[in-house]
């Protein structure tokens, strides 16, 4: 998430009421999670286990709960609760805007695009040309949709990330300030749910096709010309490279990368990153041929046990 203008370190510290380490005029351009940070961004960290990762990341401002040695060329915002203050910044720079109509006046809709009755188009949404948005589709604020995109009934683009901190008093939600980006020539089936990024964009790239009832988690990137069948569940921060095929009821854990042209067969559970150009099956996922050999071997166990008893 980039700020509308460059802010100084002192200005940001005043918004969240924190101390800071560094020149008060140090430039701050935006805020992002660790996996998408760029120079000029704020990243937050609230556990010693991840201090080094945050301090050595591309972020140039680290919102942290302990004053530590600041790397050269960076600055610190020292807070007793970085999670809370990251939310404060999200609320400040991306405040919730109430809707006043089914199709916001601030939405930009391209030539030839059809919005069917009952669809909701939020504030600052951009939709390209020659798209079809079917009844009861909901497109939350800030989503960007390319040309020749079809979105079927009851699909939701841009709901909040499923991201919580477990506190003694209950689960504390990390607010979502990102969006969803759908590139050209994408088809999205009925009753799909594609969550917005926390600070960046959940992205479906050009030419990909999604069946009905698919869940895509926050900040996930789906590559070009991917084919995804019904009931697939994709967690947050997943990278699916180009021309991947996911068959029905595949589940993919957070942070995994699926390599280009991989094929994942139905009901497979993906617990780690997988190389491209191969076919996978099972839970946990393994190369399909090897997994099927294992299953065939398991079927032989009763027969083997009977032979052992006779001997």
C-alpha atoms as a PDB file:
ATOM      1  CA  UNK A   1       0.000   0.000   0.000  1.00  0.00           C
ATOM      2  CA  UNK A   2       1.513   3.310  -1.084  1.00  0.00           C
ATOM      3  CA  UNK A   3       0.561   6.535   0.674  1.00  0.00           C
ATOM      4  CA  UNK A   4      -0.979   9.399  -1.340  1.00  0.00           C
ATOM      5  CA  UNK A   5       2.189  11.393  -0.697  1.00  0.00           C
ATOM      6  CA  UNK A   6       5.572  10.891   0.943  1.00  0.00           C
ATOM      7  CA  UNK A   7       5.379  11.245   4.732  1.00  0.00           C
ATOM      8  CA  UNK A   8       8.207  11.909   7.148  1.00  0.00           C
ATOM      9  CA  UNK A   9       9.177   9.482   9.881  1.00  0.00           C
ATOM     10  CA  UNK A  10       8.044  12.061  12.438  1.00  0.00           C
ATOM     11  CA  UNK A  11       4.607  12.376  10.804  1.00  0.00           C
ATOM     12  CA  UNK A  12       4.074   8.602  10.925  1.00  0.00           C
ATOM     13  CA  UNK A  13       5.263   8.439  14.536  1.00  0.00           C
ATOM     14  CA  UNK A  14       2.736  11.118  15.466  1.00  0.00           C
ATOM     15  CA  UNK A  15      -0.122   9.181  13.834  1.00  0.00           C
ATOM     16  CA  UNK A  16       0.559   6.105  15.966  1.00  0.00           C
ATOM     17  CA  UNK A  17       2.022   7.870  19.025  1.00  0.00           C
ATOM     18  CA  UNK A  18       5.333   6.007  18.940  1.00  0.00           C
ATOM     19  CA  UNK A  19       8.985   6.802  19.475  1.00  0.00           C
ATOM     20  CA  UNK A  20      11.296   6.633  16.484  1.00  0.00           C
ATOM     21  CA  UNK A  21      14.953   6.040  15.685  1.00  0.00           C
ATOM     22  CA  UNK A  22      16.339   7.929  12.702  1.00  0.00           C
ATOM     23  CA  UNK A  23      16.164  11.341  11.083  1.00  0.00           C
ATOM     24  CA  UNK A  24      12.729  12.866  11.640  1.00  0.00           C
ATOM     25  CA  UNK A  25      12.606  13.789   7.935  1.00  0.00           C
ATOM     26  CA  UNK A  26      13.328  10.207   6.825  1.00  0.00           C
ATOM     27  CA  UNK A  27      10.915   9.533   3.897  1.00  0.00           C
ATOM     28  CA  UNK A  28       8.130   6.956   4.271  1.00  0.00           C
ATOM     29  CA  UNK A  29       6.341   5.953   1.071  1.00  0.00           C
ATOM     30  CA  UNK A  30       3.956   3.210   2.177  1.00  0.00           C
ATOM     31  CA  UNK A  31       3.384   0.082   4.278  1.00  0.00           C
ATOM     32  CA  UNK A  32       3.412  -3.598   3.414  1.00  0.00           C
ATOM     33  CA  UNK A  33       3.699  -7.115   4.739  1.00  0.00           C
ATOM     34  CA  UNK A  34       7.112  -8.754   4.820  1.00  0.00           C
ATOM     35  CA  UNK A  35       6.656 -10.770   1.588  1.00  0.00           C
ATOM     36  CA  UNK A  36       5.827  -7.724  -0.556  1.00  0.00           C
ATOM     37  CA  UNK A  37       7.776  -4.855   1.044  1.00  0.00           C
ATOM     38  CA  UNK A  38       9.733  -2.409  -1.070  1.00  0.00           C
ATOM     39  CA  UNK A  39      12.140   0.398  -0.299  1.00  0.00           C
ATOM     40  CA  UNK A  40      10.328   3.200   1.498  1.00  0.00           C
ATOM     41  CA  UNK A  41       7.789   0.851   3.096  1.00  0.00           C
ATOM     42  CA  UNK A  42       6.978   0.197   6.745  1.00  0.00           C
ATOM     43  CA  UNK A  43       6.944  -3.427   7.871  1.00  0.00           C
ATOM     44  CA  UNK A  44       5.854  -4.514  11.352  1.00  0.00           C
ATOM     45  CA  UNK A  45       7.367  -7.178  13.598  1.00  0.00           C
ATOM     46  CA  UNK A  46       6.363  -8.096  17.145  1.00  0.00           C
ATOM     47  CA  UNK A  47       8.312 -11.282  17.913  1.00  0.00           C
ATOM     48  CA  UNK A  48      12.099 -11.638  18.451  1.00  0.00           C
ATOM     49  CA  UNK A  49      12.088 -14.714  16.204  1.00  0.00           C
ATOM     50  CA  UNK A  50      11.373 -12.475  13.204  1.00  0.00           C
ATOM     51  CA  UNK A  51      13.420  -9.371  14.112  1.00  0.00           C
ATOM     52  CA  UNK A  52      16.327 -10.178  11.796  1.00  0.00           C
ATOM     53  CA  UNK A  53      14.057 -11.018   8.864  1.00  0.00           C
ATOM     54  CA  UNK A  54      12.241  -7.688   9.203  1.00  0.00           C
ATOM     55  CA  UNK A  55      15.399  -5.645   9.792  1.00  0.00           C
ATOM     56  CA  UNK A  56      17.135  -7.200   6.777  1.00  0.00           C
ATOM     57  CA  UNK A  57      14.091  -6.983   4.494  1.00  0.00           C
ATOM     58  CA  UNK A  58      13.662  -4.440   1.714  1.00  0.00           C
ATOM     59  CA  UNK A  59      11.574  -2.302   4.065  1.00  0.00           C
ATOM     60  CA  UNK A  60      13.356   0.871   5.128  1.00  0.00           C
ATOM     61  CA  UNK A  61      11.158   1.507   8.191  1.00  0.00           C
ATOM     62  CA  UNK A  62      10.594  -1.223  10.782  1.00  0.00           C
ATOM     63  CA  UNK A  63       7.702  -0.932  13.246  1.00  0.00           C
ATOM     64  CA  UNK A  64       9.034  -2.971  16.165  1.00  0.00           C
ATOM     65  CA  UNK A  65       8.285  -3.562  19.856  1.00  0.00           C
ATOM     66  CA  UNK A  66      11.852  -3.158  21.097  1.00  0.00           C
ATOM     67  CA  UNK A  67      14.566  -0.610  20.389  1.00  0.00           C
ATOM     68  CA  UNK A  68      17.340  -2.522  18.618  1.00  0.00           C
ATOM     69  CA  UNK A  69      20.370  -1.549  16.584  1.00  0.00           C
ATOM     70  CA  UNK A  70      19.062   0.097  13.443  1.00  0.00           C
ATOM     71  CA  UNK A  71      20.618  -1.048  10.145  1.00  0.00           C
ATOM     72  CA  UNK A  72      22.308   1.648   8.088  1.00  0.00           C
ATOM     73  CA  UNK A  73      19.944   3.462   5.761  1.00  0.00           C
ATOM     74  CA  UNK A  74      16.848   2.460   7.739  1.00  0.00           C
ATOM     75  CA  UNK A  75      14.684   3.830  10.539  1.00  0.00           C
ATOM     76  CA  UNK A  76      12.671   2.367  13.415  1.00  0.00           C
ATOM     77  CA  UNK A  77       9.254   3.081  14.852  1.00  0.00           C
ATOM     78  CA  UNK A  78       9.305   1.741  18.414  1.00  0.00           C
ATOM     79  CA  UNK A  79       5.864   0.682  19.662  1.00  0.00           C
ATOM     80  CA  UNK A  80       4.540  -1.342  22.584  1.00  0.00           C
ATOM     81  CA  UNK A  81       2.129  -3.029  20.122  1.00  0.00           C
ATOM     82  CA  UNK A  82       3.183  -3.015  16.435  1.00  0.00           C
ATOM     83  CA  UNK A  83       0.143  -5.080  15.374  1.00  0.00           C
ATOM     84  CA  UNK A  84      -2.227  -2.473  16.828  1.00  0.00           C
ATOM     85  CA  UNK A  85      -0.297   0.398  15.287  1.00  0.00           C
ATOM     86  CA  UNK A  86      -0.123  -1.235  11.869  1.00  0.00           C
ATOM     87  CA  UNK A  87      -3.937  -1.339  12.061  1.00  0.00           C
ATOM     88  CA  UNK A  88      -3.964   2.315  13.077  1.00  0.00           C
ATOM     89  CA  UNK A  89      -2.033   3.198   9.934  1.00  0.00           C
ATOM     90  CA  UNK A  90      -4.386   1.115   7.766  1.00  0.00           C
ATOM     91  CA  UNK A  91      -7.403   2.927   9.229  1.00  0.00           C
ATOM     92  CA  UNK A  92      -5.696   6.280   8.695  1.00  0.00           C
ATOM     93  CA  UNK A  93      -4.684   5.757   5.076  1.00  0.00           C
ATOM     94  CA  UNK A  94      -7.485   3.420   3.930  1.00  0.00           C
ATOM     95  CA  UNK A  95     -10.530   4.320   6.042  1.00  0.00           C
ATOM     96  CA  UNK A  96     -13.777   2.470   5.477  1.00  0.00           C
ATOM     97  CA  UNK A  97     -16.094   4.269   3.053  1.00  0.00           C
ATOM     98  CA  UNK A  98     -19.815   3.703   3.332  1.00  0.00           C
ATOM     99  CA  UNK A  99     -21.643   2.820   0.107  1.00  0.00           C
ATOM    100  CA  UNK A 100     -24.514   5.006  -1.044  1.00  0.00           C
ATOM    101  CA  UNK A 101     -25.689   3.004  -4.065  1.00  0.00           C
ATOM    102  CA  UNK A 102     -25.426  -0.410  -5.667  1.00  0.00           C
ATOM    103  CA  UNK A 103     -22.947   0.958  -8.196  1.00  0.00           C
ATOM    104  CA  UNK A 104     -20.705   3.617  -6.714  1.00  0.00           C
ATOM    105  CA  UNK A 105     -20.471   6.955  -8.502  1.00  0.00           C
ATOM    106  CA  UNK A 106     -16.684   6.711  -8.128  1.00  0.00           C
ATOM    107  CA  UNK A 107     -16.533   3.377  -9.972  1.00  0.00           C
ATOM    108  CA  UNK A 108     -15.066   3.412 -13.482  1.00  0.00           C
ATOM    109  CA  UNK A 109     -16.812   1.011 -15.867  1.00  0.00           C
ATOM    110  CA  UNK A 110     -15.523   0.449 -19.392  1.00  0.00           C
ATOM    111  CA  UNK A 111     -17.357   0.561 -22.689  1.00  0.00           C
ATOM    112  CA  UNK A 112     -19.509  -2.464 -23.439  1.00  0.00           C
ATOM    113  CA  UNK A 113     -19.429  -3.816 -19.895  1.00  0.00           C
ATOM    114  CA  UNK A 114     -22.724  -5.207 -18.574  1.00  0.00           C
ATOM    115  CA  UNK A 115     -23.619  -5.000 -14.889  1.00  0.00           C
ATOM    116  CA  UNK A 116     -26.594  -7.278 -14.214  1.00  0.00           C
ATOM    117  CA  UNK A 117     -29.294  -6.322 -11.650  1.00  0.00           C
ATOM    118  CA  UNK A 118     -28.411  -6.921  -8.022  1.00  0.00           C
ATOM    119  CA  UNK A 119     -24.655  -6.625  -8.425  1.00  0.00           C
ATOM    120  CA  UNK A 120     -22.762  -4.350  -6.020  1.00  0.00           C
ATOM    121  CA  UNK A 121     -19.818  -2.296  -7.282  1.00  0.00           C
ATOM    122  CA  UNK A 122     -17.930  -0.520  -4.494  1.00  0.00           C
ATOM    123  CA  UNK A 123     -16.076   2.750  -4.237  1.00  0.00           C
ATOM    124  CA  UNK A 124     -13.164   3.393  -6.621  1.00  0.00           C
ATOM    125  CA  UNK A 125     -13.600   0.056  -8.427  1.00  0.00           C
ATOM    126  CA  UNK A 126     -12.229  -0.061 -11.981  1.00  0.00           C
ATOM    127  CA  UNK A 127     -13.763  -2.435 -14.550  1.00  0.00           C
ATOM    128  CA  UNK A 128     -12.496  -2.639 -18.115  1.00  0.00           C
ATOM    129  CA  UNK A 129     -14.377  -3.001 -21.365  1.00  0.00           C
ATOM    130  CA  UNK A 130     -16.678  -5.803 -22.541  1.00  0.00           C
ATOM    131  CA  UNK A 131     -17.012  -7.488 -19.155  1.00  0.00           C
ATOM    132  CA  UNK A 132     -20.097  -9.221 -17.758  1.00  0.00           C
ATOM    133  CA  UNK A 133     -20.849  -8.994 -14.035  1.00  0.00           C
ATOM    134  CA  UNK A 134     -23.753 -11.309 -13.231  1.00  0.00           C
ATOM    135  CA  UNK A 135     -26.482 -10.842 -10.573  1.00  0.00           C
ATOM    136  CA  UNK A 136     -25.542 -10.586  -6.905  1.00  0.00           C
ATOM    137  CA  UNK A 137     -21.821 -10.309  -7.528  1.00  0.00           C
ATOM    138  CA  UNK A 138     -20.135  -8.153  -4.881  1.00  0.00           C
ATOM    139  CA  UNK A 139     -16.995  -6.206  -5.787  1.00  0.00           C
ATOM    140  CA  UNK A 140     -15.541  -4.410  -2.780  1.00  0.00           C
ATOM    141  CA  UNK A 141     -13.821  -1.011  -2.806  1.00  0.00           C
ATOM    142  CA  UNK A 142     -10.675  -0.527  -4.837  1.00  0.00           C
ATOM    143  CA  UNK A 143     -10.778  -3.730  -6.885  1.00  0.00           C
ATOM    144  CA  UNK A 144      -9.380  -3.550 -10.425  1.00  0.00           C
ATOM    145  CA  UNK A 145     -10.763  -5.709 -13.240  1.00  0.00           C
ATOM    146  CA  UNK A 146      -9.405  -5.864 -16.784  1.00  0.00           C
ATOM    147  CA  UNK A 147     -11.114  -6.317 -20.151  1.00  0.00           C
ATOM    148  CA  UNK A 148     -13.269  -9.252 -21.291  1.00  0.00           C
ATOM    149  CA  UNK A 149     -13.764 -10.604 -17.775  1.00  0.00           C
ATOM    150  CA  UNK A 150     -16.833 -12.660 -16.793  1.00  0.00           C
ATOM    151  CA  UNK A 151     -17.865 -12.944 -13.138  1.00  0.00           C
ATOM    152  CA  UNK A 152     -20.773 -15.250 -12.346  1.00  0.00           C
ATOM    153  CA  UNK A 153     -23.536 -14.870  -9.760  1.00  0.00           C
ATOM    154  CA  UNK A 154     -22.854 -14.556  -6.034  1.00  0.00           C
ATOM    155  CA  UNK A 155     -19.085 -14.268  -6.351  1.00  0.00           C
ATOM    156  CA  UNK A 156     -17.374 -11.908  -3.883  1.00  0.00           C
ATOM    157  CA  UNK A 157     -14.195 -10.025  -4.740  1.00  0.00           C
ATOM    158  CA  UNK A 158     -12.338  -8.166  -2.000  1.00  0.00           C
ATOM    159  CA  UNK A 159     -13.612  -9.502   1.334  1.00  0.00           C
ATOM    160  CA  UNK A 160     -11.184  -9.119   4.237  1.00  0.00           C
ATOM    161  CA  UNK A 161      -8.144 -11.306   4.774  1.00  0.00           C
ATOM    162  CA  UNK A 162      -8.509 -14.128   7.299  1.00  0.00           C
ATOM    163  CA  UNK A 163      -5.675 -12.870   9.511  1.00  0.00           C
ATOM    164  CA  UNK A 164      -5.885 -12.669  13.318  1.00  0.00           C
ATOM    165  CA  UNK A 165      -3.596 -12.295  16.313  1.00  0.00           C
ATOM    166  CA  UNK A 166      -4.492 -14.521  19.257  1.00  0.00           C
ATOM    167  CA  UNK A 167      -4.652 -12.328  22.355  1.00  0.00           C
ATOM    168  CA  UNK A 168      -5.737 -13.367  25.884  1.00  0.00           C
ATOM    169  CA  UNK A 169      -9.030 -11.522  25.421  1.00  0.00           C
ATOM    170  CA  UNK A 170      -9.711 -13.058  21.989  1.00  0.00           C
ATOM    171  CA  UNK A 171      -8.729 -12.849  18.344  1.00  0.00           C
ATOM    172  CA  UNK A 172      -7.595  -9.432  17.112  1.00  0.00           C
ATOM    173  CA  UNK A 173      -8.113  -8.823  13.400  1.00  0.00           C
ATOM    174  CA  UNK A 174      -5.417  -7.435  11.120  1.00  0.00           C
ATOM    175  CA  UNK A 175      -7.246  -4.912   8.972  1.00  0.00           C
ATOM    176  CA  UNK A 176      -7.132  -5.267   5.198  1.00  0.00           C
ATOM    177  CA  UNK A 177      -6.068  -2.278   3.117  1.00  0.00           C
ATOM    178  CA  UNK A 178      -5.227  -4.082  -0.118  1.00  0.00           C
ATOM    179  CA  UNK A 179      -7.412  -5.053  -3.059  1.00  0.00           C
ATOM    180  CA  UNK A 180      -8.072  -7.670  -5.754  1.00  0.00           C
ATOM    181  CA  UNK A 181      -6.715  -7.358  -9.294  1.00  0.00           C
ATOM    182  CA  UNK A 182      -8.247  -9.446 -12.104  1.00  0.00           C
ATOM    183  CA  UNK A 183      -6.427  -9.215 -15.423  1.00  0.00           C
ATOM    184  CA  UNK A 184      -7.853  -9.533 -18.952  1.00  0.00           C
ATOM    185  CA  UNK A 185      -9.804 -12.551 -20.235  1.00  0.00           C
ATOM    186  CA  UNK A 186     -10.385 -14.146 -16.835  1.00  0.00           C
ATOM    187  CA  UNK A 187     -13.566 -16.137 -16.136  1.00  0.00           C
ATOM    188  CA  UNK A 188     -14.713 -16.564 -12.546  1.00  0.00           C
ATOM    189  CA  UNK A 189     -17.509 -19.014 -11.747  1.00  0.00           C
ATOM    190  CA  UNK A 190     -20.447 -18.686  -9.379  1.00  0.00           C
ATOM    191  CA  UNK A 191     -20.065 -18.321  -5.596  1.00  0.00           C
ATOM    192  CA  UNK A 192     -16.292 -17.851  -5.569  1.00  0.00           C
ATOM    193  CA  UNK A 193     -14.649 -15.826  -2.809  1.00  0.00           C
ATOM    194  CA  UNK A 194     -11.428 -13.962  -3.504  1.00  0.00           C
ATOM    195  CA  UNK A 195     -10.065 -12.077  -0.487  1.00  0.00           C
ATOM    196  CA  UNK A 196      -8.262  -8.772  -0.755  1.00  0.00           C
ATOM    197  CA  UNK A 197      -4.605  -8.401   0.122  1.00  0.00           C
ATOM    198  CA  UNK A 198      -3.678  -7.122   3.550  1.00  0.00           C
ATOM    199  CA  UNK A 199      -1.645  -4.276   2.049  1.00  0.00           C
ATOM    200  CA  UNK A 200      -1.089  -5.391  -1.546  1.00  0.00           C
ATOM    201  CA  UNK A 201      -3.170  -7.098  -4.242  1.00  0.00           C
ATOM    202  CA  UNK A 202      -4.577 -10.597  -4.521  1.00  0.00           C
ATOM    203  CA  UNK A 203      -4.052 -11.160  -8.238  1.00  0.00           C
ATOM    204  CA  UNK A 204      -5.470 -13.431 -10.943  1.00  0.00           C
ATOM    205  CA  UNK A 205      -3.492 -13.014 -14.134  1.00  0.00           C
ATOM    206  CA  UNK A 206      -4.546 -12.972 -17.764  1.00  0.00           C
ATOM    207  CA  UNK A 207      -6.436 -15.885 -19.247  1.00  0.00           C
ATOM    208  CA  UNK A 208      -7.016 -17.910 -16.076  1.00  0.00           C
ATOM    209  CA  UNK A 209     -10.325 -19.725 -15.608  1.00  0.00           C
ATOM    210  CA  UNK A 210     -11.989 -20.489 -12.272  1.00  0.00           C
ATOM    211  CA  UNK A 211     -14.893 -22.898 -11.751  1.00  0.00           C
ATOM    212  CA  UNK A 212     -17.618 -22.403  -9.113  1.00  0.00           C
ATOM    213  CA  UNK A 213     -17.148 -22.275  -5.329  1.00  0.00           C
ATOM    214  CA  UNK A 214     -13.415 -21.558  -5.110  1.00  0.00           C
ATOM    215  CA  UNK A 215     -11.721 -19.785  -2.187  1.00  0.00           C
ATOM    216  CA  UNK A 216      -8.619 -17.667  -2.838  1.00  0.00           C
ATOM    217  CA  UNK A 217      -6.863 -16.260   0.221  1.00  0.00           C
ATOM    218  CA  UNK A 218      -5.291 -12.850   0.756  1.00  0.00           C
ATOM    219  CA  UNK A 219      -2.234 -11.778  -1.270  1.00  0.00           C
ATOM    220  CA  UNK A 220      -2.252 -14.945  -3.355  1.00  0.00           C
ATOM    221  CA  UNK A 221      -1.050 -14.605  -6.949  1.00  0.00           C
ATOM    222  CA  UNK A 222      -2.499 -16.882  -9.619  1.00  0.00           C
ATOM    223  CA  UNK A 223      -0.526 -16.853 -12.848  1.00  0.00           C
ATOM    224  CA  UNK A 224      -1.545 -16.726 -16.497  1.00  0.00           C
ATOM    225  CA  UNK A 225      -3.711 -19.419 -18.134  1.00  0.00           C
ATOM    226  CA  UNK A 226      -4.328 -21.394 -14.968  1.00  0.00           C
ATOM    227  CA  UNK A 227      -7.300 -23.766 -14.759  1.00  0.00           C
ATOM    228  CA  UNK A 228      -8.913 -24.231 -11.336  1.00  0.00           C
ATOM    229  CA  UNK A 229     -11.815 -26.614 -10.733  1.00  0.00           C
ATOM    230  CA  UNK A 230     -14.612 -26.427  -8.183  1.00  0.00           C
ATOM    231  CA  UNK A 231     -14.118 -26.517  -4.392  1.00  0.00           C
ATOM    232  CA  UNK A 232     -10.419 -25.645  -4.486  1.00  0.00           C
ATOM    233  CA  UNK A 233      -9.230 -23.835  -1.342  1.00  0.00           C
ATOM    234  CA  UNK A 234      -6.123 -21.658  -1.625  1.00  0.00           C
ATOM    235  CA  UNK A 235      -4.708 -20.063   1.523  1.00  0.00           C
ATOM    236  CA  UNK A 236      -3.075 -16.643   1.784  1.00  0.00           C
ATOM    237  CA  UNK A 237       0.259 -15.649   0.224  1.00  0.00           C
ATOM    238  CA  UNK A 238       0.333 -18.571  -2.222  1.00  0.00           C
ATOM    239  CA  UNK A 239       2.071 -18.183  -5.595  1.00  0.00           C
ATOM    240  CA  UNK A 240       0.632 -20.257  -8.427  1.00  0.00           C
ATOM    241  CA  UNK A 241       2.783 -19.893 -11.498  1.00  0.00           C
ATOM    242  CA  UNK A 242       1.555 -19.851 -15.114  1.00  0.00           C
ATOM    243  CA  UNK A 243      -0.459 -22.674 -16.712  1.00  0.00           C
ATOM    244  CA  UNK A 244      -1.061 -24.640 -13.512  1.00  0.00           C
ATOM    245  CA  UNK A 245      -4.079 -26.950 -13.319  1.00  0.00           C
ATOM    246  CA  UNK A 246      -5.804 -27.564  -9.967  1.00  0.00           C
ATOM    247  CA  UNK A 247      -8.566 -30.172 -10.017  1.00  0.00           C
ATOM    248  CA  UNK A 248     -11.509 -30.373  -7.607  1.00  0.00           C
ATOM    249  CA  UNK A 249     -11.102 -30.060  -3.834  1.00  0.00           C
ATOM    250  CA  UNK A 250      -7.382 -29.338  -3.890  1.00  0.00           C
ATOM    251  CA  UNK A 251      -6.222 -27.538  -0.747  1.00  0.00           C
ATOM    252  CA  UNK A 252      -3.048 -25.416  -0.647  1.00  0.00           C
ATOM    253  CA  UNK A 253      -1.372 -24.192   2.536  1.00  0.00           C
ATOM    254  CA  UNK A 254      -0.253 -20.607   3.153  1.00  0.00           C
ATOM    255  CA  UNK A 255       2.961 -19.429   1.540  1.00  0.00           C
ATOM    256  CA  UNK A 256       3.405 -22.345  -0.878  1.00  0.00           C
ATOM    257  CA  UNK A 257       4.576 -21.887  -4.466  1.00  0.00           C
ATOM    258  CA  UNK A 258       3.241 -24.138  -7.241  1.00  0.00           C
ATOM    259  CA  UNK A 259       5.607 -24.258 -10.211  1.00  0.00           C
ATOM    260  CA  UNK A 260       4.716 -23.562 -13.827  1.00  0.00           C
ATOM    261  CA  UNK A 261       2.598 -26.188 -15.627  1.00  0.00           C
ATOM    262  CA  UNK A 262       2.132 -28.351 -12.537  1.00  0.00           C
ATOM    263  CA  UNK A 263      -1.023 -30.484 -12.465  1.00  0.00           C
ATOM    264  CA  UNK A 264      -2.546 -31.264  -9.067  1.00  0.00           C
ATOM    265  CA  UNK A 265      -5.151 -34.006  -9.090  1.00  0.00           C
ATOM    266  CA  UNK A 266      -8.447 -33.929  -7.203  1.00  0.00           C
ATOM    267  CA  UNK A 267      -8.535 -34.006  -3.385  1.00  0.00           C
ATOM    268  CA  UNK A 268      -4.800 -33.384  -3.063  1.00  0.00           C
ATOM    269  CA  UNK A 269      -3.495 -31.587   0.016  1.00  0.00           C
ATOM    270  CA  UNK A 270      -0.514 -29.330  -0.684  1.00  0.00           C
ATOM    271  CA  UNK A 271       1.542 -28.699   2.457  1.00  0.00           C
ATOM    272  CA  UNK A 272       4.697 -27.275   0.829  1.00  0.00           C
ATOM    273  CA  UNK A 273       5.946 -25.797  -2.426  1.00  0.00           C
ATOM    274  CA  UNK A 274       5.902 -28.043  -5.509  1.00  0.00           C
ATOM    275  CA  UNK A 275       8.078 -28.040  -8.622  1.00  0.00           C
ATOM    276  CA  UNK A 276       6.526 -27.221 -11.955  1.00  0.00           C
ATOM    277  CA  UNK A 277       5.994 -29.559 -14.866  1.00  0.00           C
ATOM    278  CA  UNK A 278       4.889 -32.531 -12.756  1.00  0.00           C
ATOM    279  CA  UNK A 279       1.598 -34.159 -11.745  1.00  0.00           C
ATOM    280  CA  UNK A 280       0.794 -34.530  -8.038  1.00  0.00           C
ATOM    281  CA  UNK A 281      -1.704 -36.485  -5.955  1.00  0.00           C
ATOM    282  CA  UNK A 282      -2.474 -37.324  -2.328  1.00  0.00           C
ATOM    283  CA  UNK A 283      -2.197 -35.673   1.059  1.00  0.00           C
ATOM    284  CA  UNK A 284       0.510 -34.661   1.564  1.00  0.00           C
ATOM    285  CA  UNK A 285       1.040 -34.189  -2.156  1.00  0.00           C
ATOM    286  CA  UNK A 286       3.572 -36.367  -3.953  1.00  0.00           C
ATOM    287  CA  UNK A 287       4.256 -37.130  -7.582  1.00  0.00           C
ATOM    288  CA  UNK A 288       1.161 -38.964  -8.767  1.00  0.00           C
ATOM    289  CA  UNK A 289       2.852 -42.090 -10.132  1.00  0.00           C
ATOM    290  CA  UNK A 290       4.810 -42.624  -6.926  1.00  0.00           C
ATOM    291  CA  UNK A 291       1.730 -42.024  -4.790  1.00  0.00           C
ATOM    292  CA  UNK A 292      -0.367 -44.485  -6.802  1.00  0.00           C
ATOM    293  CA  UNK A 293       2.390 -47.123  -6.486  1.00  0.00           C
ATOM    294  CA  UNK A 294       2.338 -46.611  -2.715  1.00  0.00           C
ATOM    295  CA  UNK A 295      -1.431 -47.041  -2.635  1.00  0.00           C
ATOM    296  CA  UNK A 296      -1.194 -50.225  -4.675  1.00  0.00           C
ATOM    297  CA  UNK A 297       1.432 -51.549  -2.259  1.00  0.00           C
ATOM    298  CA  UNK A 298      -0.783 -50.791   0.739  1.00  0.00           C
ATOM    299  CA  UNK A 299      -3.577 -52.862  -0.807  1.00  0.00           C
ATOM    300  CA  UNK A 300      -1.202 -55.832  -0.868  1.00  0.00           C
ATOM    301  CA  UNK A 301      -0.558 -55.751   2.904  1.00  0.00           C
ATOM    302  CA  UNK A 302      -3.478 -58.080   3.903  1.00  0.00           C
ATOM    303  CA  UNK A 303      -2.317 -60.665   1.381  1.00  0.00           C
ATOM    304  CA  UNK A 304       1.268 -60.425   2.631  1.00  0.00           C
ATOM    305  CA  UNK A 305       0.125 -60.817   6.245  1.00  0.00           C
ATOM    306  CA  UNK A 306      -1.863 -63.935   5.329  1.00  0.00           C
ATOM    307  CA  UNK A 307       1.209 -65.475   3.681  1.00  0.00           C
ATOM    308  CA  UNK A 308       3.316 -64.678   6.766  1.00  0.00           C
ATOM    309  CA  UNK A 309       0.768 -66.372   9.048  1.00  0.00           C
ATOM    310  CA  UNK A 310       0.856 -69.534   6.914  1.00  0.00           C
ATOM    311  CA  UNK A 311       4.631 -69.636   7.142  1.00  0.00           C
END
